[in-house]
Protein backbone atom coordinates (compact mmCIF):
# COMPACT_ATOMS: atom_id res chain seq x y z
CA MET A 1 133.99 -11.92 41.56
CA SER A 2 129.95 -12.57 40.93
CA ALA A 3 128.13 -14.48 43.59
CA TYR A 4 127.36 -18.08 41.95
CA GLN A 5 123.80 -18.37 40.71
CA PRO A 6 122.05 -21.94 40.55
CA ALA A 7 120.62 -22.69 36.71
CA PRO A 8 116.48 -23.11 36.64
CA ILE A 9 115.19 -26.28 38.34
CA LYS A 10 114.38 -28.62 35.11
CA PRO A 11 110.83 -30.13 34.33
CA LEU A 12 109.44 -32.39 36.59
CA ILE A 13 109.75 -36.16 36.13
CA PRO A 14 107.69 -38.89 37.08
CA PHE A 15 109.49 -41.02 39.98
CA SER A 16 109.25 -43.87 37.47
CA VAL A 17 112.16 -42.31 35.50
CA VAL A 18 114.87 -42.46 38.32
CA GLU A 19 113.77 -45.99 39.72
CA GLN A 20 115.44 -46.29 35.80
CA ILE A 21 118.82 -45.40 36.72
CA ASP A 22 121.52 -47.67 37.99
CA ALA A 23 123.65 -45.63 40.22
CA ARG A 24 126.28 -46.91 42.08
CA VAL A 25 129.77 -47.04 44.25
CA GLY A 26 132.82 -47.93 42.95
CA ARG A 27 136.56 -47.86 43.82
CA ILE A 28 138.53 -46.20 40.95
CA GLU A 29 141.74 -48.61 40.77
CA LYS A 30 143.11 -46.74 38.05
CA VAL A 31 143.40 -43.75 35.63
CA GLU A 32 145.22 -44.34 32.14
CA ASP A 33 145.75 -41.49 29.90
CA ILE A 34 144.18 -41.21 26.70
CA ALA A 35 147.04 -40.94 24.23
CA ASP A 36 145.78 -38.27 21.75
CA SER A 37 143.15 -36.87 23.73
CA GLU A 38 143.53 -33.27 25.58
CA LYS A 39 141.04 -34.17 28.31
CA LEU A 40 140.08 -37.64 28.07
CA VAL A 41 141.41 -40.48 30.53
CA ARG A 42 140.21 -44.43 31.39
CA LEU A 43 138.91 -45.24 34.61
CA ARG A 44 138.78 -49.04 35.90
CA VAL A 45 136.47 -48.87 38.23
CA ASN A 46 135.52 -51.89 40.80
CA PHE A 47 132.39 -52.81 41.46
CA GLY A 48 132.58 -55.21 43.63
CA ASP A 49 131.65 -58.32 41.58
CA HIS A 50 133.11 -56.78 38.16
CA ILE A 51 135.55 -54.16 36.68
CA ARG A 52 134.38 -51.69 33.95
CA SER A 53 136.27 -48.99 31.81
CA ILE A 54 134.60 -45.42 32.09
CA VAL A 55 135.88 -42.79 29.92
CA VAL A 56 135.92 -39.21 31.24
CA GLY A 57 137.02 -35.77 30.71
CA MET A 58 139.43 -34.50 32.93
CA LYS A 59 142.84 -33.85 31.91
CA LYS A 60 142.03 -30.21 31.93
CA GLU A 61 139.97 -29.99 35.41
CA ARG A 62 142.92 -31.63 37.21
CA GLU A 63 146.67 -31.23 37.02
CA ASN A 64 146.91 -34.98 38.37
CA PRO A 65 144.07 -36.72 37.21
CA GLY A 66 145.64 -40.08 39.06
CA GLU A 67 145.19 -38.61 42.47
CA ILE A 68 141.59 -39.69 42.52
CA GLU A 69 142.98 -43.76 42.39
CA GLY A 70 141.63 -45.53 45.29
CA ARG A 71 138.87 -43.61 45.88
CA GLN A 72 134.93 -44.50 45.64
CA ALA A 73 132.96 -42.37 43.92
CA LEU A 74 129.33 -42.38 41.88
CA PHE A 75 129.12 -43.93 38.95
CA ILE A 76 125.96 -44.26 36.45
CA VAL A 77 126.19 -48.05 35.60
CA ASN A 78 123.18 -48.93 33.20
CA LEU A 79 123.91 -46.55 30.29
CA GLU A 80 124.28 -48.57 27.12
CA PRO A 81 127.85 -48.69 26.68
CA ARG A 82 129.33 -45.96 24.17
CA ARG A 83 132.55 -45.02 21.98
CA ILE A 84 134.37 -42.31 22.69
CA ARG A 85 137.44 -41.43 20.47
CA GLY A 86 137.93 -45.26 19.87
CA GLU A 87 137.78 -46.23 23.54
CA LEU A 88 134.83 -48.25 24.96
CA SER A 89 132.67 -46.62 28.26
CA GLU A 90 130.99 -48.88 30.19
CA GLY A 91 129.26 -45.90 32.81
CA MET A 92 129.26 -42.66 33.41
CA LEU A 93 131.04 -40.93 36.15
CA PHE A 94 128.34 -38.43 38.43
CA ASP A 95 130.03 -35.62 39.18
CA ILE A 96 129.45 -32.19 40.57
CA GLY A 97 129.72 -28.76 38.77
CA TYR A 98 130.63 -29.59 35.50
CA ALA A 99 127.33 -28.49 34.07
CA ASP A 100 127.81 -25.32 36.28
CA GLY A 101 130.69 -24.59 34.35
CA ILE A 102 132.50 -24.74 37.99
CA THR A 103 135.67 -27.10 38.38
CA PRO A 104 134.32 -30.80 38.83
CA VAL A 105 134.56 -32.71 42.41
CA LEU A 106 133.63 -36.35 42.58
CA ALA A 107 129.99 -37.33 44.07
CA VAL A 108 131.72 -39.45 47.22
CA PRO A 109 130.05 -41.27 50.00
CA GLU A 110 130.41 -39.86 53.33
CA ALA A 111 132.24 -43.22 54.86
CA GLN A 112 133.61 -46.23 53.13
CA VAL A 113 130.82 -48.02 51.64
CA PRO A 114 131.29 -51.70 49.94
CA ASP A 115 132.06 -51.38 45.97
CA GLY A 116 128.88 -51.60 43.55
CA VAL A 117 126.57 -50.67 46.70
CA ARG A 118 123.78 -48.68 44.97
CA ALA A 119 122.34 -45.21 45.54
CA GLY A 120 119.18 -44.03 45.87
């Protein structure tokens, strides 16, 4: 088996671009199957003052997607909502590994923090 080779670093961006991203910790309260999809599930995520529906493709990555219920993870919350296979997604799960073809894992805080706390 060959060793993992990191991808090249993307072009530099101004810090002002990073400041536009609103990344927050949310608690995954429910993982719901999306019928007729081989990879999509709907997460119900609590951000402290509200709950959002976020669609993610993890059926093929996890034998039991429901195992993440109750866990905190990092999400991007200021993306424009979009429909994915007819389901409204109000954010993006910030996972680790997908872009590099590695089975993704959640980006999680090392200790419990209040739901809705900002990253960065």
